[in-house]
Amino acid sequence: MGSKQLLKVEAFHYKLDSVSDEAFQKFVQDELTPTWVALVKKHKVVRYTSTITPSTFAARFRPQLEKTRPGWIMNEAHLTLTYYVRNFEDMLELISDPEYQARGRDVEIGWIDTSRGQIKIGWETTYLENGEVVNTTVV
């Protein structure tokens, strides 16, 4: 892929049912993120983000989704961790690090349902940034 594209790796996580949305958000901000940032930085990750999705969002959005896109399924993950890297090797290096595996297991206990989750990987290209069209033309 072209040098302007980044490999976007999204990890979709689900909180335990016993954890409130408010407590989960605090956990992500105060415990999970500080645990990951130094490790992620060490492994050539260009950009790292988290998206918290409160439990109520799916119920609010689903009726409109069902009208406009019948048959589509709402992803109800409570947390999406997104890693932007230049290639597969950089991501494989990160997830192969024993420290990555140990920190992940330790920090998730009592918060994240580790029995389920998904990963999505693909090349990301930006077409609209700061209100300006980039990497394409307008017809």
Protein backbone atom coordinates (compact mmCIF):
# COMPACT_ATOMS: atom_id res chain seq x y z
CA MET A 1 0.00 0.00 0.00
CA GLY A 2 1.04 3.59 -0.46
CA SER A 3 3.19 5.41 2.07
CA LYS A 4 0.34 7.77 3.04
CA GLN A 5 -1.80 4.87 4.21
CA LEU A 6 -1.61 3.45 7.68
CA LEU A 7 -2.64 0.00 8.78
CA LYS A 8 -5.54 0.45 11.17
CA VAL A 9 -6.01 -2.29 13.75
CA GLU A 10 -9.17 -2.08 15.84
CA ALA A 11 -9.72 -4.26 18.90
CA PHE A 12 -13.33 -4.42 20.07
CA HIS A 13 -13.80 -5.15 23.78
CA TYR A 14 -16.87 -5.75 25.92
CA LYS A 15 -17.12 -4.75 29.57
CA LEU A 16 -18.36 -7.24 32.11
CA ASP A 17 -22.11 -6.97 32.71
CA SER A 18 -21.45 -6.21 36.38
CA VAL A 19 -19.50 -3.03 35.51
CA SER A 20 -21.39 0.25 35.01
CA ASP A 21 -20.67 2.46 32.00
CA GLU A 22 -19.37 5.22 34.30
CA ALA A 23 -17.01 2.89 36.17
CA PHE A 24 -15.80 1.40 32.87
CA GLN A 25 -15.00 4.82 31.42
CA LYS A 26 -13.03 5.73 34.55
CA PHE A 27 -11.16 2.40 34.34
CA VAL A 28 -10.22 3.03 30.69
CA GLN A 29 -9.00 6.57 31.40
CA ASP A 30 -7.28 6.01 34.73
CA GLU A 31 -5.96 2.43 34.52
CA LEU A 32 -6.03 0.89 31.05
CA THR A 33 -4.70 3.84 29.06
CA PRO A 34 -1.73 4.64 31.33
CA THR A 35 -0.84 0.93 31.33
CA TRP A 36 -0.76 0.74 27.52
CA VAL A 37 0.67 4.07 26.35
CA ALA A 38 4.37 3.49 27.12
CA LEU A 39 4.27 -0.04 25.74
CA VAL A 40 2.46 0.99 22.56
CA LYS A 41 4.88 3.88 22.00
CA LYS A 42 7.84 1.50 22.31
CA HIS A 43 6.56 -0.56 19.36
CA LYS A 44 6.40 1.92 16.46
CA VAL A 45 2.69 2.61 16.81
CA VAL A 46 2.07 5.88 14.95
CA ARG A 47 -1.24 6.66 16.62
CA TYR A 48 -3.27 5.00 19.39
CA THR A 49 -6.84 5.89 20.33
CA SER A 50 -9.69 4.56 22.40
CA THR A 51 -13.41 4.93 21.78
CA ILE A 52 -15.82 4.27 24.62
CA THR A 53 -19.36 3.33 23.62
CA PRO A 54 -21.90 3.51 26.45
CA SER A 55 -24.40 0.65 26.60
CA THR A 56 -27.28 3.01 25.78
CA PHE A 57 -25.89 4.04 22.38
CA ALA A 58 -26.83 0.81 20.58
CA ALA A 59 -30.46 1.04 21.73
CA ARG A 60 -30.64 4.68 20.62
CA PHE A 61 -29.11 4.05 17.20
CA ARG A 62 -30.51 0.60 16.34
CA PRO A 63 -34.07 1.71 15.33
CA GLN A 64 -32.73 4.08 12.68
CA LEU A 65 -30.17 1.53 11.51
CA GLU A 66 -32.93 -1.06 11.06
CA LYS A 67 -34.91 1.42 8.92
CA THR A 68 -32.06 2.54 6.70
CA ARG A 69 -30.03 -0.69 6.55
CA PRO A 70 -32.27 -3.71 7.19
CA GLY A 71 -30.25 -6.76 8.16
CA TRP A 72 -27.23 -4.81 9.38
CA ILE A 73 -25.95 -5.66 12.86
CA MET A 74 -24.97 -3.08 15.45
CA ASN A 75 -21.50 -3.64 16.92
CA GLU A 76 -22.15 -3.31 20.64
CA ALA A 77 -18.56 -3.34 21.88
CA HIS A 78 -18.05 -0.99 24.80
CA LEU A 79 -14.45 -0.13 23.96
CA THR A 80 -12.52 0.09 20.71
CA LEU A 81 -8.76 0.37 20.95
CA THR A 82 -7.31 1.54 17.65
CA TYR A 83 -3.67 1.16 16.69
CA TYR A 84 -2.24 2.83 13.59
CA VAL A 85 0.97 1.24 12.31
CA ARG A 86 2.91 1.37 9.06
CA ASN A 87 2.81 -2.39 8.38
CA PHE A 88 1.82 -5.81 9.72
CA GLU A 89 5.28 -6.47 11.12
CA ASP A 90 5.04 -3.50 13.50
CA MET A 91 1.72 -4.76 14.87
CA LEU A 92 2.94 -8.35 15.12
CA GLU A 93 6.00 -7.12 17.03
CA LEU A 94 3.73 -5.39 19.55
CA ILE A 95 1.38 -8.32 20.15
CA SER A 96 4.30 -10.78 20.34
CA ASP A 97 5.91 -8.86 23.19
CA PRO A 98 5.47 -10.90 26.41
CA GLU A 99 4.96 -7.62 28.28
CA TYR A 100 1.99 -6.83 26.01
CA GLN A 101 0.40 -10.17 26.79
CA ALA A 102 1.02 -9.93 30.55
CA ARG A 103 -0.22 -6.35 30.88
CA GLY A 104 -3.30 -7.13 28.85
CA ARG A 105 -4.31 -10.06 30.98
CA ASP A 106 -3.61 -8.30 34.28
CA VAL A 107 -5.36 -5.02 33.57
CA GLU A 108 -8.50 -6.64 32.11
CA ILE A 109 -9.35 -8.68 35.22
CA GLY A 110 -12.64 -7.57 36.72
CA TRP A 111 -13.44 -5.17 33.86
CA ILE A 112 -13.36 -6.75 30.42
CA ASP A 113 -15.20 -9.86 29.23
CA THR A 114 -12.24 -11.72 27.75
CA SER A 115 -14.45 -14.53 26.43
CA ARG A 116 -15.46 -12.37 23.45
CA GLY A 117 -14.09 -9.64 21.25
CA GLN A 118 -13.17 -8.92 17.66
CA ILE A 119 -10.27 -7.53 15.66
CA LYS A 120 -10.57 -5.57 12.43
CA ILE A 121 -7.52 -4.77 10.27
CA GLY A 122 -7.34 -2.66 7.14
CA TRP A 123 -5.57 0.13 5.31
CA GLU A 124 -6.99 3.53 6.19
CA THR A 125 -6.99 6.42 3.76
CA THR A 126 -8.27 9.86 4.75
CA TYR A 127 -10.53 11.70 2.27
CA LEU A 128 -11.79 14.61 4.35
CA GLU A 129 -9.59 16.28 6.95
CA ASN A 130 -10.28 19.54 8.74
CA GLY A 131 -13.05 20.21 6.23
CA GLU A 132 -10.70 19.81 3.25
CA VAL A 133 -10.91 17.06 0.62
CA VAL A 134 -7.65 15.11 0.37
CA ASN A 135 -6.44 12.08 -1.58
CA THR A 136 -9.32 12.27 -4.07
CA THR A 137 -11.23 14.66 -6.29
CA VAL A 138 -14.79 15.93 -5.90
CA VAL A 139 -17.16 15.23 -8.78
